[in-house]
Amino acid sequence: MTPALLAGQTGLALSILQDLLANNEAPLRLCAALVGQFRTWLLVKTALEAGERDERAIAEFAELGNPKRLFFLKAEIKNVAAESLQRALAELLTLEWALKQGADETSTLQTQIVAIAQIFGKGGS
């Protein structure tokens, strides 16, 4: 789902979400996975924008278990602004809070997925 979100593809992201929910994926688990991915992207992007070029240092900063994964992460976020990643994380924390407060899981997930995809849509990244 994350590639669809980064591309601003709302429909695809919602379709993937529906498939995951249909396969009994727990909403909080989905949220945690998204938070983890966006957090990692943000840490890598922040290190790169700060001028860090030592890949080992970036991998350590981003808490990557496999430093070779950095190559792929950098490619995924090459054209994404750190500010967009921060906004997406804020939406995900709102999602987590709402789910833990007992909000309707499906509609809350859908609403936040749309909001995140819009961040990365036209002009958002």
PDB file of N, CA and C in Angstrom:
ATOM      1  N   MET A   1       0.812  -1.183   0.000  1.00  0.00           N
ATOM      2  CA  MET A   1       0.000   0.000   0.000  1.00  0.00           C
ATOM      3  C   MET A   1       0.862   1.257   0.000  1.00  0.00           C
ATOM      4  N   THR A   2       2.047   1.196   0.607  1.00  0.00           N
ATOM      5  CA  THR A   2       2.865   2.400   0.717  1.00  0.00           C
ATOM      6  C   THR A   2       3.304   2.959  -0.640  1.00  0.00           C
ATOM      7  N   PRO A   3       3.642   2.126  -1.630  1.00  0.00           N
ATOM      8  CA  PRO A   3       3.984   2.724  -2.928  1.00  0.00           C
ATOM      9  C   PRO A   3       2.806   3.502  -3.525  1.00  0.00           C
ATOM     10  N   ALA A   4       1.606   2.986  -3.348  1.00  0.00           N
ATOM     11  CA  ALA A   4       0.420   3.690  -3.858  1.00  0.00           C
ATOM     12  C   ALA A   4       0.227   5.015  -3.126  1.00  0.00           C
ATOM     13  N   LEU A   5       0.464   5.018  -1.831  1.00  0.00           N
ATOM     14  CA  LEU A   5       0.336   6.260  -1.061  1.00  0.00           C
ATOM     15  C   LEU A   5       1.361   7.285  -1.518  1.00  0.00           C
ATOM     16  N   LEU A   6       2.619   6.873  -1.674  1.00  0.00           N
ATOM     17  CA  LEU A   6       3.665   7.798  -2.115  1.00  0.00           C
ATOM     18  C   LEU A   6       3.384   8.350  -3.504  1.00  0.00           C
ATOM     19  N   ALA A   7       2.712   7.567  -4.321  1.00  0.00           N
ATOM     20  CA  ALA A   7       2.376   8.012  -5.678  1.00  0.00           C
ATOM     21  C   ALA A   7       1.090   8.829  -5.701  1.00  0.00           C
ATOM     22  N   GLY A   8       0.425   8.951  -4.555  1.00  0.00           N
ATOM     23  CA  GLY A   8      -0.829   9.698  -4.502  1.00  0.00           C
ATOM     24  C   GLY A   8      -1.982   8.979  -5.177  1.00  0.00           C
ATOM     25  N   GLN A   9      -1.894   7.657  -5.285  1.00  0.00           N
ATOM     26  CA  GLN A   9      -2.917   6.848  -5.949  1.00  0.00           C
ATOM     27  C   GLN A   9      -3.962   6.394  -4.928  1.00  0.00           C
ATOM     28  N   THR A  10      -4.902   7.262  -4.678  1.00  0.00           N
ATOM     29  CA  THR A  10      -5.914   7.021  -3.651  1.00  0.00           C
ATOM     30  C   THR A  10      -6.699   5.745  -3.907  1.00  0.00           C
ATOM     31  N   GLY A  11      -7.184   5.579  -5.112  1.00  0.00           N
ATOM     32  CA  GLY A  11      -7.999   4.407  -5.441  1.00  0.00           C
ATOM     33  C   GLY A  11      -7.266   3.105  -5.216  1.00  0.00           C
ATOM     34  N   LEU A  12      -6.035   3.049  -5.666  1.00  0.00           N
ATOM     35  CA  LEU A  12      -5.233   1.832  -5.490  1.00  0.00           C
ATOM     36  C   LEU A  12      -4.971   1.566  -4.012  1.00  0.00           C
ATOM     37  N   ALA A  13      -4.644   2.610  -3.274  1.00  0.00           N
ATOM     38  CA  ALA A  13      -4.382   2.453  -1.838  1.00  0.00           C
ATOM     39  C   ALA A  13      -5.628   1.936  -1.121  1.00  0.00           C
ATOM     40  N   LEU A  14      -6.786   2.476  -1.469  1.00  0.00           N
ATOM     41  CA  LEU A  14      -8.038   2.019  -0.844  1.00  0.00           C
ATOM     42  C   LEU A  14      -8.362   0.579  -1.230  1.00  0.00           C
ATOM     43  N   SER A  15      -8.082   0.211  -2.462  1.00  0.00           N
ATOM     44  CA  SER A  15      -8.308  -1.164  -2.909  1.00  0.00           C
ATOM     45  C   SER A  15      -7.417  -2.141  -2.139  1.00  0.00           C
ATOM     46  N   ILE A  16      -6.160  -1.780  -1.962  1.00  0.00           N
ATOM     47  CA  ILE A  16      -5.232  -2.626  -1.203  1.00  0.00           C
ATOM     48  C   ILE A  16      -5.700  -2.717   0.249  1.00  0.00           C
ATOM     49  N   LEU A  17      -6.139  -1.586   0.806  1.00  0.00           N
ATOM     50  CA  LEU A  17      -6.660  -1.587   2.175  1.00  0.00           C
ATOM     51  C   LEU A  17      -7.831  -2.549   2.302  1.00  0.00           C
ATOM     52  N   GLN A  18      -8.760  -2.493   1.368  1.00  0.00           N
ATOM     53  CA  GLN A  18      -9.924  -3.387   1.411  1.00  0.00           C
ATOM     54  C   GLN A  18      -9.495  -4.851   1.360  1.00  0.00           C
ATOM     55  N   ASP A  19      -8.514  -5.159   0.498  1.00  0.00           N
ATOM     56  CA  ASP A  19      -8.008  -6.533   0.408  1.00  0.00           C
ATOM     57  C   ASP A  19      -7.392  -6.977   1.734  1.00  0.00           C
ATOM     58  N   LEU A  20      -6.622  -6.093   2.354  1.00  0.00           N
ATOM     59  CA  LEU A  20      -5.993  -6.436   3.631  1.00  0.00           C
ATOM     60  C   LEU A  20      -7.040  -6.661   4.717  1.00  0.00           C
ATOM     61  N   LEU A  21      -8.040  -5.792   4.769  1.00  0.00           N
ATOM     62  CA  LEU A  21      -9.105  -5.957   5.759  1.00  0.00           C
ATOM     63  C   LEU A  21      -9.914  -7.221   5.495  1.00  0.00           C
ATOM     64  N   ALA A  22     -10.142  -7.537   4.221  1.00  0.00           N
ATOM     65  CA  ALA A  22     -10.877  -8.757   3.861  1.00  0.00           C
ATOM     66  C   ALA A  22     -10.105 -10.006   4.273  1.00  0.00           C
ATOM     67  N   ASN A  23      -8.785  -9.878   4.354  1.00  0.00           N
ATOM     68  CA  ASN A  23      -7.936 -10.992   4.792  1.00  0.00           C
ATOM     69  C   ASN A  23      -7.677 -10.951   6.291  1.00  0.00           C
ATOM     70  N   ASN A  24      -8.535 -10.230   7.003  1.00  0.00           N
ATOM     71  CA  ASN A  24      -8.517 -10.150   8.464  1.00  0.00           C
ATOM     72  C   ASN A  24      -7.245  -9.563   9.060  1.00  0.00           C
ATOM     73  N   GLU A  25      -6.629  -8.627   8.351  1.00  0.00           N
ATOM     74  CA  GLU A  25      -5.502  -7.909   8.939  1.00  0.00           C
ATOM     75  C   GLU A  25      -6.055  -6.958   9.997  1.00  0.00           C
ATOM     76  N   ALA A  26      -5.418  -6.915  11.139  1.00  0.00           N
ATOM     77  CA  ALA A  26      -5.860  -6.051  12.229  1.00  0.00           C
ATOM     78  C   ALA A  26      -5.562  -4.590  11.893  1.00  0.00           C
ATOM     79  N   PRO A  27      -6.552  -3.707  12.037  1.00  0.00           N
ATOM     80  CA  PRO A  27      -6.346  -2.295  11.718  1.00  0.00           C
ATOM     81  C   PRO A  27      -5.175  -1.660  12.464  1.00  0.00           C
ATOM     82  N   LEU A  28      -5.012  -1.965  13.740  1.00  0.00           N
ATOM     83  CA  LEU A  28      -3.882  -1.392  14.479  1.00  0.00           C
ATOM     84  C   LEU A  28      -2.546  -1.924  13.966  1.00  0.00           C
ATOM     85  N   ARG A  29      -2.536  -3.156  13.515  1.00  0.00           N
ATOM     86  CA  ARG A  29      -1.315  -3.724  12.939  1.00  0.00           C
ATOM     87  C   ARG A  29      -0.987  -3.027  11.617  1.00  0.00           C
ATOM     88  N   LEU A  30      -2.004  -2.757  10.808  1.00  0.00           N
ATOM     89  CA  LEU A  30      -1.799  -2.025   9.558  1.00  0.00           C
ATOM     90  C   LEU A  30      -1.241  -0.631   9.849  1.00  0.00           C
ATOM     91  N   CYS A  31      -1.836   0.010  10.839  1.00  0.00           N
ATOM     92  CA  CYS A  31      -1.393   1.344  11.232  1.00  0.00           C
ATOM     93  C   CYS A  31       0.066   1.303  11.696  1.00  0.00           C
ATOM     94  N   ALA A  32       0.415   0.337  12.503  1.00  0.00           N
ATOM     95  CA  ALA A  32       1.782   0.217  13.008  1.00  0.00           C
ATOM     96  C   ALA A  32       2.771  -0.005  11.865  1.00  0.00           C
ATOM     97  N   ALA A  33       2.387  -0.813  10.895  1.00  0.00           N
ATOM     98  CA  ALA A  33       3.265  -1.060   9.750  1.00  0.00           C
ATOM     99  C   ALA A  33       3.475   0.218   8.943  1.00  0.00           C
ATOM    100  N   LEU A  34       2.402   0.975   8.745  1.00  0.00           N
ATOM    101  CA  LEU A  34       2.510   2.239   8.013  1.00  0.00           C
ATOM    102  C   LEU A  34       3.367   3.247   8.773  1.00  0.00           C
ATOM    103  N   VAL A  35       3.155   3.338  10.085  1.00  0.00           N
ATOM    104  CA  VAL A  35       3.958   4.256  10.904  1.00  0.00           C
ATOM    105  C   VAL A  35       5.436   3.883  10.793  1.00  0.00           C
ATOM    106  N   GLY A  36       5.729   2.609  10.893  1.00  0.00           N
ATOM    107  CA  GLY A  36       7.118   2.155  10.801  1.00  0.00           C
ATOM    108  C   GLY A  36       7.757   2.510   9.466  1.00  0.00           C
ATOM    109  N   GLN A  37       7.021   2.291   8.381  1.00  0.00           N
ATOM    110  CA  GLN A  37       7.564   2.582   7.056  1.00  0.00           C
ATOM    111  C   GLN A  37       7.773   4.078   6.856  1.00  0.00           C
ATOM    112  N   PHE A  38       6.780   4.885   7.208  1.00  0.00           N
ATOM    113  CA  PHE A  38       6.909   6.332   7.020  1.00  0.00           C
ATOM    114  C   PHE A  38       7.974   6.926   7.947  1.00  0.00           C
ATOM    115  N   ARG A  39       8.101   6.377   9.138  1.00  0.00           N
ATOM    116  CA  ARG A  39       9.136   6.841  10.067  1.00  0.00           C
ATOM    117  C   ARG A  39      10.519   6.560   9.492  1.00  0.00           C
ATOM    118  N   THR A  40      10.703   5.370   8.958  1.00  0.00           N
ATOM    119  CA  THR A  40      11.986   5.011   8.352  1.00  0.00           C
ATOM    120  C   THR A  40      12.299   5.930   7.183  1.00  0.00           C
ATOM    121  N   TRP A  41      11.308   6.150   6.309  1.00  0.00           N
ATOM    122  CA  TRP A  41      11.519   7.052   5.178  1.00  0.00           C
ATOM    123  C   TRP A  41      11.896   8.449   5.660  1.00  0.00           C
ATOM    124  N   LEU A  42      11.195   8.932   6.684  1.00  0.00           N
ATOM    125  CA  LEU A  42      11.467  10.279   7.191  1.00  0.00           C
ATOM    126  C   LEU A  42      12.875  10.376   7.775  1.00  0.00           C
ATOM    127  N   LEU A  43      13.297   9.373   8.508  1.00  0.00           N
ATOM    128  CA  LEU A  43      14.646   9.395   9.087  1.00  0.00           C
ATOM    129  C   LEU A  43      15.719   9.402   7.997  1.00  0.00           C
ATOM    130  N   VAL A  44      15.526   8.589   6.977  1.00  0.00           N
ATOM    131  CA  VAL A  44      16.484   8.541   5.874  1.00  0.00           C
ATOM    132  C   VAL A  44      16.502   9.883   5.148  1.00  0.00           C
ATOM    133  N   LYS A  45      15.324  10.419   4.840  1.00  0.00           N
ATOM    134  CA  LYS A  45      15.235  11.689   4.121  1.00  0.00           C
ATOM    135  C   LYS A  45      15.860  12.820   4.934  1.00  0.00           C
ATOM    136  N   THR A  46      15.606  12.828   6.231  1.00  0.00           N
ATOM    137  CA  THR A  46      16.163  13.853   7.104  1.00  0.00           C
ATOM    138  C   THR A  46      17.689  13.790   7.113  1.00  0.00           C
ATOM    139  N   ALA A  47      18.235  12.595   7.213  1.00  0.00           N
ATOM    140  CA  ALA A  47      19.691  12.437   7.205  1.00  0.00           C
ATOM    141  C   ALA A  47      20.277  12.909   5.874  1.00  0.00           C
ATOM    142  N   LEU A  48      19.632  12.550   4.778  1.00  0.00           N
ATOM    143  CA  LEU A  48      20.128  12.960   3.462  1.00  0.00           C
ATOM    144  C   LEU A  48      20.058  14.474   3.295  1.00  0.00           C
ATOM    145  N   GLU A  49      18.945  15.074   3.725  1.00  0.00           N
ATOM    146  CA  GLU A  49      18.793  16.519   3.593  1.00  0.00           C
ATOM    147  C   GLU A  49      19.744  17.283   4.516  1.00  0.00           C
ATOM    148  N   ALA A  50      20.181  16.625   5.586  1.00  0.00           N
ATOM    149  CA  ALA A  50      21.148  17.251   6.498  1.00  0.00           C
ATOM    150  C   ALA A  50      22.567  17.176   5.942  1.00  0.00           C
ATOM    151  N   GLY A  51      22.708  16.497   4.798  1.00  0.00           N
ATOM    152  CA  GLY A  51      24.013  16.421   4.155  1.00  0.00           C
ATOM    153  C   GLY A  51      24.818  15.179   4.485  1.00  0.00           C
ATOM    154  N   GLU A  52      24.236  14.264   5.214  1.00  0.00           N
ATOM    155  CA  GLU A  52      24.947  13.024   5.569  1.00  0.00           C
ATOM    156  C   GLU A  52      25.120  12.175   4.308  1.00  0.00           C
ATOM    157  N   ARG A  53      26.323  11.714   4.050  1.00  0.00           N
ATOM    158  CA  ARG A  53      26.592  10.883   2.874  1.00  0.00           C
ATOM    159  C   ARG A  53      27.100   9.492   3.261  1.00  0.00           C
ATOM    160  N   ASP A  54      27.499   9.319   4.507  1.00  0.00           N
ATOM    161  CA  ASP A  54      27.990   8.024   4.975  1.00  0.00           C
ATOM    162  C   ASP A  54      26.799   7.085   5.143  1.00  0.00           C
ATOM    163  N   GLU A  55      26.725   6.107   4.268  1.00  0.00           N
ATOM    164  CA  GLU A  55      25.570   5.210   4.270  1.00  0.00           C
ATOM    165  C   GLU A  55      25.452   4.413   5.568  1.00  0.00           C
ATOM    166  N   ARG A  56      26.568   4.089   6.159  1.00  0.00           N
ATOM    167  CA  ARG A  56      26.536   3.367   7.433  1.00  0.00           C
ATOM    168  C   ARG A  56      25.911   4.237   8.521  1.00  0.00           C
ATOM    169  N   ALA A  57      26.261   5.515   8.543  1.00  0.00           N
ATOM    170  CA  ALA A  57      25.716   6.447   9.528  1.00  0.00           C
ATOM    171  C   ALA A  57      24.217   6.638   9.315  1.00  0.00           C
ATOM    172  N   ILE A  58      23.796   6.741   8.063  1.00  0.00           N
ATOM    173  CA  ILE A  58      22.369   6.901   7.758  1.00  0.00           C
ATOM    174  C   ILE A  58      21.607   5.652   8.188  1.00  0.00           C
ATOM    175  N   ALA A  59      22.141   4.489   7.873  1.00  0.00           N
ATOM    176  CA  ALA A  59      21.482   3.231   8.243  1.00  0.00           C
ATOM    177  C   ALA A  59      21.360   3.107   9.757  1.00  0.00           C
ATOM    178  N   GLU A  60      22.392   3.524  10.469  1.00  0.00           N
ATOM    179  CA  GLU A  60      22.341   3.473  11.929  1.00  0.00           C
ATOM    180  C   GLU A  60      21.305   4.463  12.463  1.00  0.00           C
ATOM    181  N   PHE A  61      21.293   5.674  11.922  1.00  0.00           N
ATOM    182  CA  PHE A  61      20.349   6.706  12.339  1.00  0.00           C
ATOM    183  C   PHE A  61      18.908   6.250  12.106  1.00  0.00           C
ATOM    184  N   ALA A  62      18.674   5.588  10.972  1.00  0.00           N
ATOM    185  CA  ALA A  62      17.326   5.130  10.626  1.00  0.00           C
ATOM    186  C   ALA A  62      16.993   3.775  11.243  1.00  0.00           C
ATOM    187  N   GLU A  63      17.921   3.245  12.025  1.00  0.00           N
ATOM    188  CA  GLU A  63      17.728   1.971  12.713  1.00  0.00           C
ATOM    189  C   GLU A  63      17.411   0.830  11.743  1.00  0.00           C
ATOM    190  N   LEU A  64      18.189   0.771  10.655  1.00  0.00           N
ATOM    191  CA  LEU A  64      17.996  -0.280   9.662  1.00  0.00           C
ATOM    192  C   LEU A  64      18.783  -1.512  10.075  1.00  0.00           C
ATOM    193  N   GLY A  65      18.113  -2.638  10.121  1.00  0.00           N
ATOM    194  CA  GLY A  65      18.794  -3.889  10.441  1.00  0.00           C
ATOM    195  C   GLY A  65      19.708  -4.324   9.308  1.00  0.00           C
ATOM    196  N   ASN A  66      19.309  -3.995   8.085  1.00  0.00           N
ATOM    197  CA  ASN A  66      20.078  -4.351   6.906  1.00  0.00           C
ATOM    198  C   ASN A  66      20.474  -3.060   6.185  1.00  0.00           C
ATOM    199  N   PRO A  67      21.721  -2.601   6.353  1.00  0.00           N
ATOM    200  CA  PRO A  67      22.150  -1.342   5.739  1.00  0.00           C
ATOM    201  C   PRO A  67      22.022  -1.319   4.211  1.00  0.00           C
ATOM    202  N   LYS A  68      22.027  -2.489   3.573  1.00  0.00           N
ATOM    203  CA  LYS A  68      21.889  -2.539   2.114  1.00  0.00           C
ATOM    204  C   LYS A  68      20.486  -2.123   1.673  1.00  0.00           C
ATOM    205  N   ARG A  69      19.539  -2.158   2.591  1.00  0.00           N
ATOM    206  CA  ARG A  69      18.170  -1.727   2.302  1.00  0.00           C
ATOM    207  C   ARG A  69      18.116  -0.225   1.994  1.00  0.00           C
ATOM    208  N   LEU A  70      19.117   0.497   2.459  1.00  0.00           N
ATOM    209  CA  LEU A  70      19.173   1.948   2.268  1.00  0.00           C
ATOM    210  C   LEU A  70      19.108   2.318   0.786  1.00  0.00           C
ATOM    211  N   PHE A  71      19.726   1.531  -0.068  1.00  0.00           N
ATOM    212  CA  PHE A  71      19.707   1.789  -1.510  1.00  0.00           C
ATOM    213  C   PHE A  71      18.270   1.892  -2.014  1.00  0.00           C
ATOM    214  N   PHE A  72      17.429   0.962  -1.604  1.00  0.00           N
ATOM    215  CA  PHE A  72      16.045   0.937  -2.064  1.00  0.00           C
ATOM    216  C   PHE A  72      15.226   2.054  -1.425  1.00  0.00           C
ATOM    217  N   LEU A  73      15.473   2.319  -0.153  1.00  0.00           N
ATOM    218  CA  LEU A  73      14.755   3.395   0.530  1.00  0.00           C
ATOM    219  C   LEU A  73      15.040   4.741  -0.119  1.00  0.00           C
ATOM    220  N   LYS A  74      16.294   4.983  -0.445  1.00  0.00           N
ATOM    221  CA  LYS A  74      16.659   6.244  -1.087  1.00  0.00           C
ATOM    222  C   LYS A  74      15.951   6.392  -2.428  1.00  0.00           C
ATOM    223  N   ALA A  75      15.839   5.306  -3.173  1.00  0.00           N
ATOM    224  CA  ALA A  75      15.157   5.357  -4.466  1.00  0.00           C
ATOM    225  C   ALA A  75      13.660   5.643  -4.286  1.00  0.00           C
ATOM    226  N   GLU A  76      13.057   5.045  -3.255  1.00  0.00           N
ATOM    227  CA  GLU A  76      11.624   5.230  -3.018  1.00  0.00           C
ATOM    228  C   GLU A  76      11.273   6.671  -2.670  1.00  0.00           C
ATOM    229  N   ILE A  77      12.166   7.355  -1.981  1.00  0.00           N
ATOM    230  CA  ILE A  77      11.844   8.701  -1.494  1.00  0.00           C
ATOM    231  C   ILE A  77      12.603   9.803  -2.229  1.00  0.00           C
ATOM    232  N   LYS A  78      13.217   9.450  -3.327  1.00  0.00           N
ATOM    233  CA  LYS A  78      14.032  10.403  -4.066  1.00  0.00           C
ATOM    234  C   LYS A  78      13.281  11.704  -4.367  1.00  0.00           C
ATOM    235  N   ASN A  79      12.052  11.607  -4.782  1.00  0.00           N
ATOM    236  CA  ASN A  79      11.275  12.786  -5.191  1.00  0.00           C
ATOM    237  C   ASN A  79      10.222  13.189  -4.168  1.00  0.00           C
ATOM    238  N   VAL A  80      10.428  12.804  -2.925  1.00  0.00           N
ATOM    239  CA  VAL A  80       9.468  13.092  -1.865  1.00  0.00           C
ATOM    240  C   VAL A  80      10.081  14.083  -0.881  1.00  0.00           C
ATOM    241  N   ALA A  81       9.313  15.083  -0.507  1.00  0.00           N
ATOM    242  CA  ALA A  81       9.792  16.082   0.455  1.00  0.00           C
ATOM    243  C   ALA A  81       9.652  15.550   1.880  1.00  0.00           C
ATOM    244  N   ALA A  82      10.603  15.896   2.725  1.00  0.00           N
ATOM    245  CA  ALA A  82      10.551  15.495   4.132  1.00  0.00           C
ATOM    246  C   ALA A  82       9.276  16.026   4.785  1.00  0.00           C
ATOM    247  N   GLU A  83       8.867  17.225   4.407  1.00  0.00           N
ATOM    248  CA  GLU A  83       7.646  17.811   4.969  1.00  0.00           C
ATOM    249  C   GLU A  83       6.421  16.944   4.674  1.00  0.00           C
ATOM    250  N   SER A  84       6.358  16.371   3.485  1.00  0.00           N
ATOM    251  CA  SER A  84       5.240  15.488   3.137  1.00  0.00           C
ATOM    252  C   SER A  84       5.250  14.229   4.000  1.00  0.00           C
ATOM    253  N   LEU A  85       6.436  13.692   4.248  1.00  0.00           N
ATOM    254  CA  LEU A  85       6.544  12.514   5.107  1.00  0.00           C
ATOM    255  C   LEU A  85       6.119  12.849   6.538  1.00  0.00           C
ATOM    256  N   GLN A  86       6.485  14.041   7.009  1.00  0.00           N
ATOM    257  CA  GLN A  86       6.078  14.474   8.348  1.00  0.00           C
ATOM    258  C   GLN A  86       4.560  14.610   8.430  1.00  0.00           C
ATOM    259  N   ARG A  87       3.958  15.178   7.403  1.00  0.00           N
ATOM    260  CA  ARG A  87       2.495  15.332   7.393  1.00  0.00           C
ATOM    261  C   ARG A  87       1.804  13.974   7.382  1.00  0.00           C
ATOM    262  N   ALA A  88       2.360  13.037   6.618  1.00  0.00           N
ATOM    263  CA  ALA A  88       1.790  11.688   6.573  1.00  0.00           C
ATOM    264  C   ALA A  88       1.879  11.016   7.938  1.00  0.00           C
ATOM    265  N   LEU A  89       3.007  11.196   8.615  1.00  0.00           N
ATOM    266  CA  LEU A  89       3.156  10.616   9.958  1.00  0.00           C
ATOM    267  C   LEU A  89       2.150  11.221  10.925  1.00  0.00           C
ATOM    268  N   ALA A  90       1.888  12.510  10.794  1.00  0.00           N
ATOM    269  CA  ALA A  90       0.888  13.152  11.651  1.00  0.00           C
ATOM    270  C   ALA A  90      -0.490  12.531  11.405  1.00  0.00           C
ATOM    271  N   GLU A  91      -0.803  12.277  10.152  1.00  0.00           N
ATOM    272  CA  GLU A  91      -2.091  11.630   9.823  1.00  0.00           C
ATOM    273  C   GLU A  91      -2.145  10.219  10.411  1.00  0.00           C
ATOM    274  N   LEU A  92      -1.028   9.513  10.352  1.00  0.00           N
ATOM    275  CA  LEU A  92      -0.995   8.152  10.888  1.00  0.00           C
ATOM    276  C   LEU A  92      -1.139   8.142  12.406  1.00  0.00           C
ATOM    277  N   LEU A  93      -0.577   9.126  13.067  1.00  0.00           N
ATOM    278  CA  LEU A  93      -0.742   9.205  14.521  1.00  0.00           C
ATOM    279  C   LEU A  93      -2.187   9.550  14.884  1.00  0.00           C
ATOM    280  N   THR A  94      -2.821  10.367  14.060  1.00  0.00           N
ATOM    281  CA  THR A  94      -4.250  10.648  14.242  1.00  0.00           C
ATOM    282  C   THR A  94      -5.054   9.355  14.062  1.00  0.00           C
ATOM    283  N   LEU A  95      -4.687   8.583  13.060  1.00  0.00           N
ATOM    284  CA  LEU A  95      -5.348   7.295  12.819  1.00  0.00           C
ATOM    285  C   LEU A  95      -5.179   6.370  14.017  1.00  0.00           C
ATOM    286  N   GLU A  96      -3.964   6.244  14.510  1.00  0.00           N
ATOM    287  CA  GLU A  96      -3.703   5.366  15.651  1.00  0.00           C
ATOM    288  C   GLU A  96      -4.533   5.790  16.862  1.00  0.00           C
ATOM    289  N   TRP A  97      -4.540   7.084  17.142  1.00  0.00           N
ATOM    290  CA  TRP A  97      -5.307   7.601  18.280  1.00  0.00           C
ATOM    291  C   TRP A  97      -6.793   7.279  18.114  1.00  0.00           C
ATOM    292  N   ALA A  98      -7.329   7.512  16.918  1.00  0.00           N
ATOM    293  CA  ALA A  98      -8.755   7.267  16.671  1.00  0.00           C
ATOM    294  C   ALA A  98      -9.088   5.785  16.841  1.00  0.00           C
ATOM    295  N   LEU A  99      -8.240   4.913  16.314  1.00  0.00           N
ATOM    296  CA  LEU A  99      -8.486   3.468  16.443  1.00  0.00           C
ATOM    297  C   LEU A  99      -8.459   3.044  17.911  1.00  0.00           C
ATOM    298  N   LYS A 100      -7.536   3.604  18.663  1.00  0.00           N
ATOM    299  CA  LYS A 100      -7.437   3.242  20.080  1.00  0.00           C
ATOM    300  C   LYS A 100      -8.577   3.827  20.906  1.00  0.00           C
ATOM    301  N   GLN A 101      -9.235   4.845  20.369  1.00  0.00           N
ATOM    302  CA  GLN A 101     -10.389   5.438  21.046  1.00  0.00           C
ATOM    303  C   GLN A 101     -11.683   4.718  20.683  1.00  0.00           C
ATOM    304  N   GLY A 102     -11.610   3.743  19.792  1.00  0.00           N
ATOM    305  CA  GLY A 102     -12.781   2.950  19.448  1.00  0.00           C
ATOM    306  C   GLY A 102     -13.544   3.434  18.230  1.00  0.00           C
ATOM    307  N   ALA A 103     -12.928   4.259  17.404  1.00  0.00           N
ATOM    308  CA  ALA A 103     -13.592   4.741  16.185  1.00  0.00           C
ATOM    309  C   ALA A 103     -13.863   3.566  15.251  1.00  0.00           C
ATOM    310  N   ASP A 104     -14.826   3.753  14.362  1.00  0.00           N
ATOM    311  CA  ASP A 104     -15.117   2.730  13.364  1.00  0.00           C
ATOM    312  C   ASP A 104     -13.859   2.468  12.547  1.00  0.00           C
ATOM    313  N   GLU A 105     -13.386   1.248  12.572  1.00  0.00           N
ATOM    314  CA  GLU A 105     -12.091   0.923  11.989  1.00  0.00           C
ATOM    315  C   GLU A 105     -12.027   1.155  10.487  1.00  0.00           C
ATOM    316  N   THR A 106     -13.004   0.640   9.760  1.00  0.00           N
ATOM    317  CA  THR A 106     -12.955   0.728   8.301  1.00  0.00           C
ATOM    318  C   THR A 106     -13.042   2.166   7.815  1.00  0.00           C
ATOM    319  N   SER A 107     -14.016   2.897   8.292  1.00  0.00           N
ATOM    320  CA  SER A 107     -14.167   4.268   7.797  1.00  0.00           C
ATOM    321  C   SER A 107     -13.007   5.156   8.246  1.00  0.00           C
ATOM    322  N   THR A 108     -12.494   4.933   9.442  1.00  0.00           N
ATOM    323  CA  THR A 108     -11.366   5.729   9.920  1.00  0.00           C
ATOM    324  C   THR A 108     -10.123   5.439   9.091  1.00  0.00           C
ATOM    325  N   LEU A 109      -9.862   4.174   8.821  1.00  0.00           N
ATOM    326  CA  LEU A 109      -8.730   3.810   7.970  1.00  0.00           C
ATOM    327  C   LEU A 109      -8.876   4.433   6.585  1.00  0.00           C
ATOM    328  N   GLN A 110     -10.056   4.314   6.009  1.00  0.00           N
ATOM    329  CA  GLN A 110     -10.276   4.862   4.671  1.00  0.00           C
ATOM    330  C   GLN A 110     -10.050   6.367   4.643  1.00  0.00           C
ATOM    331  N   THR A 111     -10.583   7.061   5.635  1.00  0.00           N
ATOM    332  CA  THR A 111     -10.439   8.520   5.694  1.00  0.00           C
ATOM    333  C   THR A 111      -8.978   8.931   5.765  1.00  0.00           C
ATOM    334  N   GLN A 112      -8.217   8.272   6.615  1.00  0.00           N
ATOM    335  CA  GLN A 112      -6.815   8.639   6.783  1.00  0.00           C
ATOM    336  C   GLN A 112      -5.970   8.233   5.579  1.00  0.00           C
ATOM    337  N   ILE A 113      -6.309   7.122   4.952  1.00  0.00           N
ATOM    338  CA  ILE A 113      -5.583   6.693   3.744  1.00  0.00           C
ATOM    339  C   ILE A 113      -5.798   7.721   2.634  1.00  0.00           C
ATOM    340  N   VAL A 114      -7.025   8.207   2.497  1.00  0.00           N
ATOM    341  CA  VAL A 114      -7.306   9.246   1.498  1.00  0.00           C
ATOM    342  C   VAL A 114      -6.498  10.502   1.814  1.00  0.00           C
ATOM    343  N   ALA A 115      -6.474  10.895   3.078  1.00  0.00           N
ATOM    344  CA  ALA A 115      -5.730  12.100   3.476  1.00  0.00           C
ATOM    345  C   ALA A 115      -4.243  11.952   3.175  1.00  0.00           C
ATOM    346  N   ILE A 116      -3.687  10.789   3.440  1.00  0.00           N
ATOM    347  CA  ILE A 116      -2.257  10.565   3.187  1.00  0.00           C
ATOM    348  C   ILE A 116      -1.969  10.557   1.691  1.00  0.00           C
ATOM    349  N   ALA A 117      -2.809   9.887   0.920  1.00  0.00           N
ATOM    350  CA  ALA A 117      -2.602   9.849  -0.536  1.00  0.00           C
ATOM    351  C   ALA A 117      -2.676  11.262  -1.119  1.00  0.00           C
ATOM    352  N   GLN A 118      -3.545  12.091  -0.581  1.00  0.00           N
ATOM    353  CA  GLN A 118      -3.663  13.467  -1.078  1.00  0.00           C
ATOM    354  C   GLN A 118      -2.414  14.283  -0.782  1.00  0.00           C
ATOM    355  N   ILE A 119      -1.735  13.979   0.310  1.00  0.00           N
ATOM    356  CA  ILE A 119      -0.481  14.675   0.622  1.00  0.00           C
ATOM    357  C   ILE A 119       0.525  14.479  -0.509  1.00  0.00           C
ATOM    358  N   PHE A 120       0.547  13.269  -1.060  1.00  0.00           N
ATOM    359  CA  PHE A 120       1.525  12.937  -2.085  1.00  0.00           C
ATOM    360  C   PHE A 120       0.982  13.068  -3.498  1.00  0.00           C
ATOM    361  N   GLY A 121      -0.284  13.487  -3.613  1.00  0.00           N
ATOM    362  CA  GLY A 121      -0.881  13.709  -4.935  1.00  0.00           C
ATOM    363  C   GLY A 121      -0.281  14.930  -5.584  1.00  0.00           C
ATOM    364  N   LYS A 122      -0.921  15.419  -6.599  1.00  0.00           N
ATOM    365  CA  LYS A 122      -0.420  16.575  -7.360  1.00  0.00           C
ATOM    366  C   LYS A 122      -0.050  17.719  -6.441  1.00  0.00           C
ATOM    367  N   GLY A 123       1.187  18.136  -6.534  1.00  0.00           N
ATOM    368  CA  GLY A 123       1.672  19.262  -5.762  1.00  0.00           C
ATOM    369  C   GLY A 123       1.956  18.965  -4.316  1.00  0.00           C
ATOM    370  N   GLY A 124       1.729  17.703  -3.867  1.00  0.00           N
ATOM    371  CA  GLY A 124       1.910  17.406  -2.466  1.00  0.00           C
ATOM    372  C   GLY A 124       3.282  16.913  -2.080  1.00  0.00           C
ATOM    373  N   SER A 125       4.077  16.474  -3.051  1.00  0.00           N
ATOM    374  CA  SER A 125       5.383  15.935  -2.678  1.00  0.00           C
ATOM    375  C   SER A 125       6.509  16.787  -3.160  1.00  0.00           C
TER     376      SER A 125
END
